[in-house]
């Protein structure tokens, strides 16, 4: 993602995407011209299906991405080191709703099998 804000480069032409904070025209590499939102950081845990224990902790950043050669906008989770996954913007809302449902279920004090209300 990109830590710049649109106001950091007022003299540069504005992007057609209101969420884009890429300083278009002020980048070094052509790939840096991709459209990126400001992004937000989180800590996650990963582990392979066969692993046990605490797994590995990673800092990730989530935001909006539309590469120059894309015909769609994506919600991307970047873990650094060229590792990422992307969700089509049309599917992101359902994933968000499901995360809310599952976080409510995980915090439930009613025990196993408790009904969880949809958001």
Protein backbone atom coordinates (compact mmCIF):
# COMPACT_ATOMS: atom_id res chain seq x y z
CA UNK A 1 0.00 0.00 0.00
CA UNK A 2 1.02 3.59 -0.03
CA UNK A 3 1.51 5.90 2.95
CA UNK A 4 1.09 9.05 0.88
CA UNK A 5 -2.12 11.00 0.99
CA UNK A 6 -3.63 12.85 -1.94
CA UNK A 7 -2.77 16.19 -0.31
CA UNK A 8 0.96 15.35 -0.26
CA UNK A 9 1.18 15.99 -4.00
CA UNK A 10 -1.29 18.79 -4.79
CA UNK A 11 0.69 19.90 -7.86
CA UNK A 12 0.37 16.50 -9.54
CA UNK A 13 -2.67 15.58 -11.62
CA UNK A 14 -5.44 13.98 -9.57
CA UNK A 15 -6.30 10.37 -10.20
CA UNK A 16 -9.72 9.34 -11.49
CA UNK A 17 -10.11 7.08 -8.43
CA UNK A 18 -10.98 9.17 -5.35
CA UNK A 19 -9.44 6.57 -3.01
CA UNK A 20 -6.08 6.50 -4.83
CA UNK A 21 -3.14 8.07 -2.99
CA UNK A 22 -0.44 7.13 -5.53
CA UNK A 23 1.63 10.20 -6.42
CA UNK A 24 1.12 9.66 -10.16
CA UNK A 25 3.91 11.18 -12.21
CA UNK A 26 6.17 11.36 -9.15
CA UNK A 27 7.15 7.67 -9.06
CA UNK A 28 10.38 5.94 -10.08
CA UNK A 29 9.21 2.61 -11.48
CA UNK A 30 6.27 2.02 -13.86
CA UNK A 31 4.75 -0.53 -11.43
CA UNK A 32 4.63 2.26 -8.84
CA UNK A 33 1.92 3.92 -10.95
CA UNK A 34 -0.66 1.33 -9.85
CA UNK A 35 -3.68 2.78 -8.05
CA UNK A 36 -3.46 2.17 -4.29
CA UNK A 37 -5.45 3.32 -1.29
CA UNK A 38 -3.84 4.45 1.95
CA UNK A 39 -4.29 1.01 3.56
CA UNK A 40 -4.45 -0.14 7.17
CA UNK A 41 -2.12 -2.48 9.07
CA UNK A 42 -3.02 -5.57 11.10
CA UNK A 43 -1.28 -8.49 12.74
CA UNK A 44 -2.34 -11.97 11.64
CA UNK A 45 -1.32 -15.55 12.38
CA UNK A 46 -0.68 -18.19 9.73
CA UNK A 47 0.07 -21.87 9.88
CA UNK A 48 -0.08 -24.79 7.49
CA UNK A 49 -2.94 -27.27 7.85
CA UNK A 50 -0.62 -29.91 9.30
CA UNK A 51 1.06 -27.58 11.77
CA UNK A 52 0.29 -27.33 15.47
CA UNK A 53 1.12 -24.61 17.93
CA UNK A 54 1.10 -20.86 17.67
CA UNK A 55 1.97 -20.57 13.99
CA UNK A 56 3.76 -17.53 12.58
CA UNK A 57 2.79 -13.92 13.25
CA UNK A 58 2.84 -11.48 10.32
CA UNK A 59 2.17 -7.79 9.89
CA UNK A 60 -0.11 -7.25 6.90
CA UNK A 61 -1.68 -4.27 5.20
CA UNK A 62 -5.12 -4.22 3.63
CA UNK A 63 -6.34 -1.71 1.08
CA UNK A 64 -7.66 -1.10 -2.41
CA UNK A 65 -5.52 -1.93 -5.45
CA UNK A 66 -6.06 -1.57 -9.16
CA UNK A 67 -3.00 -2.33 -11.22
CA UNK A 68 -2.54 -0.62 -14.58
CA UNK A 69 -3.29 -3.84 -16.44
CA UNK A 70 -6.34 -4.78 -14.30
CA UNK A 71 -9.88 -4.40 -15.53
CA UNK A 72 -11.22 -4.66 -11.97
CA UNK A 73 -10.56 -3.20 -8.53
CA UNK A 74 -9.39 -5.53 -5.77
CA UNK A 75 -9.14 -5.52 -1.99
CA UNK A 76 -5.61 -6.74 -1.36
CA UNK A 77 -3.91 -8.07 1.76
CA UNK A 78 -0.15 -7.65 1.45
CA UNK A 79 2.25 -9.45 3.76
CA UNK A 80 5.48 -8.04 2.35
CA UNK A 81 8.12 -10.04 0.56
CA UNK A 82 5.94 -10.15 -2.58
CA UNK A 83 3.29 -12.17 -0.73
CA UNK A 84 -0.34 -11.12 -1.00
CA UNK A 85 -3.85 -12.21 -1.81
CA UNK A 86 -6.65 -10.23 -3.38
CA UNK A 87 -10.43 -10.37 -3.16
CA UNK A 88 -12.63 -8.89 -5.87
CA UNK A 89 -14.33 -5.76 -4.60
CA UNK A 90 -17.75 -7.36 -5.26
CA UNK A 91 -16.94 -10.18 -2.81
CA UNK A 92 -15.36 -8.04 -0.08
CA UNK A 93 -18.68 -7.08 1.52
CA UNK A 94 -19.67 -10.72 2.05
CA UNK A 95 -16.27 -11.50 3.56
CA UNK A 96 -16.64 -8.49 5.87
CA UNK A 97 -20.12 -9.62 6.98
CA UNK A 98 -18.83 -13.13 7.58
CA UNK A 99 -15.92 -11.83 9.68
CA UNK A 100 -18.43 -9.96 11.87
CA UNK A 101 -20.59 -13.07 12.30
CA UNK A 102 -17.59 -15.24 13.15
CA UNK A 103 -16.12 -12.69 15.58
CA UNK A 104 -19.49 -12.57 17.39
CA UNK A 105 -19.55 -16.36 17.49
CA UNK A 106 -16.00 -16.45 18.90
CA UNK A 107 -16.92 -13.95 21.63
CA UNK A 108 -20.16 -15.70 22.51
CA UNK A 109 -20.50 -16.66 26.17
CA UNK A 110 -23.38 -19.02 25.41
CA UNK A 111 -21.05 -21.91 24.59
CA UNK A 112 -20.93 -24.27 21.62
CA UNK A 113 -23.88 -24.24 19.24
CA UNK A 114 -25.05 -20.75 20.21
CA UNK A 115 -27.08 -18.99 17.55
CA UNK A 116 -25.34 -15.98 16.01
CA UNK A 117 -27.40 -13.15 14.57
CA UNK A 118 -26.38 -11.92 11.12
CA UNK A 119 -25.32 -8.27 10.99
